[in-house]
Amino acid sequence: MQNISIKPCTIEHLKRYGTIYAAAFSGEPWNDNWSVEDATIHVGELLENQHHYGLECVVDGEVAGFILGTSMLFHYGRTFEINDLAVAPEYQRRGIASSLLRQCISDLKSQGIVSFHLITAREGVLPAFYEKFGFKKEDRVILMGME
């Protein structure tokens, strides 16, 4: 039987988070070309944010995945943006992402967070995954970008 625990993210595991992020986002559905070095910098920048919140899932002593984001105050209350939810490929499809997301939402609601936001792939399995937790496509806002 596996020993599984969810606990706060820690800077001591930054390199492992970077490794997980690079592997997870280099595969389906994203197929991004992340190096471990760049992914580690990316996650480190989030951990340095004063209003970050993150959880890691540890399976038999090894970090298997993490969720990480930041909060921001708006006129209607503090919101939380889930920046990253990543599970190492060898641990995927075991309920780790669901456990991390469920615990994150529960913790932050109890701390007064009024809404949650995230960016995900438009197609594939990810929209349906997040819809199970109450997320829905926004009608009032769109994501815009510029290169």
Protein backbone atom coordinates (compact mmCIF):
# COMPACT_ATOMS: atom_id res chain seq x y z
CA MET A 1 0.00 0.00 0.00
CA GLN A 2 1.25 3.46 -0.88
CA ASN A 3 1.90 6.16 1.70
CA ILE A 4 0.34 9.35 0.27
CA SER A 5 0.32 12.80 1.88
CA ILE A 6 -0.55 16.31 0.77
CA LYS A 7 1.34 19.16 2.36
CA PRO A 8 2.43 22.73 1.59
CA CYS A 9 4.93 23.31 -1.19
CA THR A 10 8.44 24.07 -0.01
CA ILE A 11 11.36 25.78 -1.71
CA GLU A 12 13.49 22.74 -0.79
CA HIS A 13 11.60 20.74 -3.43
CA LEU A 14 11.94 23.39 -6.17
CA LYS A 15 14.16 21.25 -8.41
CA ARG A 16 11.69 18.34 -8.19
CA TYR A 17 8.80 20.69 -9.04
CA GLY A 18 10.76 21.89 -12.06
CA THR A 19 11.39 18.31 -13.18
CA ILE A 20 7.71 17.43 -12.79
CA TYR A 21 6.59 20.58 -14.60
CA ALA A 22 8.94 20.04 -17.55
CA ALA A 23 7.86 16.42 -17.96
CA ALA A 24 4.13 17.08 -17.52
CA PHE A 25 3.89 20.08 -19.83
CA SER A 26 6.19 18.62 -22.48
CA GLY A 27 3.64 15.81 -22.97
CA GLU A 28 -0.01 15.75 -24.05
CA PRO A 29 -2.01 17.88 -24.37
CA TRP A 30 0.46 20.78 -24.24
CA ASN A 31 3.51 19.35 -26.01
CA ASP A 32 5.56 22.36 -24.88
CA ASN A 33 9.33 22.16 -25.05
CA TRP A 34 10.21 22.88 -21.41
CA SER A 35 13.73 22.39 -20.11
CA VAL A 36 14.01 21.43 -16.44
CA GLU A 37 16.07 24.59 -15.87
CA ASP A 38 13.41 26.93 -17.30
CA ALA A 39 10.59 25.05 -15.56
CA THR A 40 12.45 25.36 -12.26
CA ILE A 41 12.82 29.11 -12.75
CA HIS A 42 9.11 29.36 -13.64
CA VAL A 43 8.00 27.53 -10.49
CA GLY A 44 10.55 29.40 -8.37
CA GLU A 45 9.14 32.75 -9.49
CA LEU A 46 5.68 31.67 -8.34
CA LEU A 47 7.02 30.47 -4.99
CA GLU A 48 8.67 33.88 -4.49
CA ASN A 49 5.32 35.68 -4.89
CA GLN A 50 4.14 37.05 -1.54
CA HIS A 51 0.61 35.77 -2.18
CA HIS A 52 1.44 32.29 -3.43
CA TYR A 53 -0.21 29.12 -2.18
CA GLY A 54 0.84 25.63 -3.12
CA LEU A 55 0.47 22.00 -2.19
CA GLU A 56 2.54 18.98 -3.07
CA CYS A 57 1.52 15.34 -3.13
CA VAL A 58 4.12 12.94 -1.77
CA VAL A 59 3.86 9.25 -2.63
CA ASP A 60 6.14 6.88 -0.73
CA GLY A 61 8.55 9.73 0.07
CA GLU A 62 8.73 11.18 -3.46
CA VAL A 63 6.99 14.36 -4.64
CA ALA A 64 4.60 13.14 -7.35
CA GLY A 65 2.80 16.37 -8.18
CA PHE A 66 1.96 19.88 -7.08
CA ILE A 67 -0.54 22.72 -7.43
CA LEU A 68 0.61 26.30 -7.21
CA GLY A 69 -0.97 29.70 -7.71
CA THR A 70 -1.30 33.24 -6.52
CA SER A 71 -4.07 35.38 -5.07
CA MET A 72 -5.01 38.95 -5.84
CA LEU A 73 -7.44 41.36 -4.23
CA PHE A 74 -10.28 42.79 -6.35
CA HIS A 75 -13.21 45.01 -5.37
CA TYR A 76 -15.37 41.93 -4.74
CA GLY A 77 -12.79 40.00 -2.71
CA ARG A 78 -9.59 38.01 -3.05
CA THR A 79 -9.36 35.64 -6.02
CA PHE A 80 -6.95 32.80 -6.65
CA GLU A 81 -5.41 31.92 -9.98
CA ILE A 82 -4.23 28.35 -10.32
CA ASN A 83 -1.04 28.84 -12.28
CA ASP A 84 0.22 25.26 -12.27
CA LEU A 85 -1.19 21.82 -11.58
CA ALA A 86 1.33 19.20 -12.61
CA VAL A 87 1.76 15.50 -11.90
CA ALA A 88 4.81 13.50 -12.92
CA PRO A 89 3.89 11.29 -15.89
CA GLU A 90 4.61 8.08 -13.98
CA TYR A 91 2.04 9.13 -11.32
CA GLN A 92 -0.69 10.40 -13.63
CA ARG A 93 -4.18 8.88 -13.69
CA ARG A 94 -4.03 7.93 -10.01
CA GLY A 95 -6.23 10.74 -8.67
CA ILE A 96 -3.33 12.94 -7.54
CA ALA A 97 -4.41 16.01 -9.53
CA SER A 98 -7.97 15.64 -8.21
CA SER A 99 -6.72 15.34 -4.62
CA LEU A 100 -4.49 18.39 -4.97
CA LEU A 101 -7.22 20.50 -6.57
CA ARG A 102 -9.85 19.43 -4.05
CA GLN A 103 -7.58 20.22 -1.08
CA CYS A 104 -6.48 23.55 -2.59
CA ILE A 105 -10.06 24.71 -3.15
CA SER A 106 -11.13 23.62 0.32
CA ASP A 107 -8.19 25.31 2.06
CA LEU A 108 -8.53 28.58 0.20
CA LYS A 109 -12.30 28.83 0.55
CA SER A 110 -11.83 28.49 4.31
CA GLN A 111 -9.33 31.37 4.11
CA GLY A 112 -11.86 33.64 2.37
CA ILE A 113 -10.97 33.25 -1.30
CA VAL A 114 -14.12 34.22 -3.24
CA SER A 115 -13.29 32.85 -6.71
CA PHE A 116 -10.83 30.67 -8.60
CA HIS A 117 -9.46 31.09 -12.11
CA LEU A 118 -7.19 29.09 -14.38
CA ILE A 119 -6.08 28.83 -17.98
CA THR A 120 -6.22 25.43 -19.63
CA ALA A 121 -6.35 23.80 -23.04
CA ARG A 122 -9.51 24.56 -24.99
CA GLU A 123 -9.89 20.98 -26.26
CA GLY A 124 -9.14 17.52 -24.91
CA VAL A 125 -9.63 16.07 -21.44
CA LEU A 126 -8.66 19.09 -19.36
CA PRO A 127 -11.86 21.18 -19.67
CA ALA A 128 -13.94 18.17 -18.57
CA PHE A 129 -11.54 17.52 -15.67
CA TYR A 130 -11.94 21.05 -14.32
CA GLU A 131 -15.70 21.08 -14.94
CA LYS A 132 -16.00 18.20 -12.43
CA PHE A 133 -14.82 20.68 -9.79
CA GLY A 134 -17.25 23.44 -10.78
CA PHE A 135 -15.10 25.41 -13.23
CA LYS A 136 -16.79 26.60 -16.40
CA LYS A 137 -15.83 28.53 -19.50
CA GLU A 138 -16.13 32.25 -18.90
CA ASP A 139 -18.72 34.17 -20.90
CA ARG A 140 -17.78 37.64 -19.71
CA VAL A 141 -14.01 37.62 -20.27
CA ILE A 142 -11.60 36.28 -22.85
CA LEU A 143 -7.90 35.56 -22.80
CA MET A 144 -6.03 37.91 -25.10
CA GLY A 145 -2.37 37.76 -25.98
CA MET A 146 0.28 39.55 -27.97
CA GLU A 147 3.63 38.36 -29.24
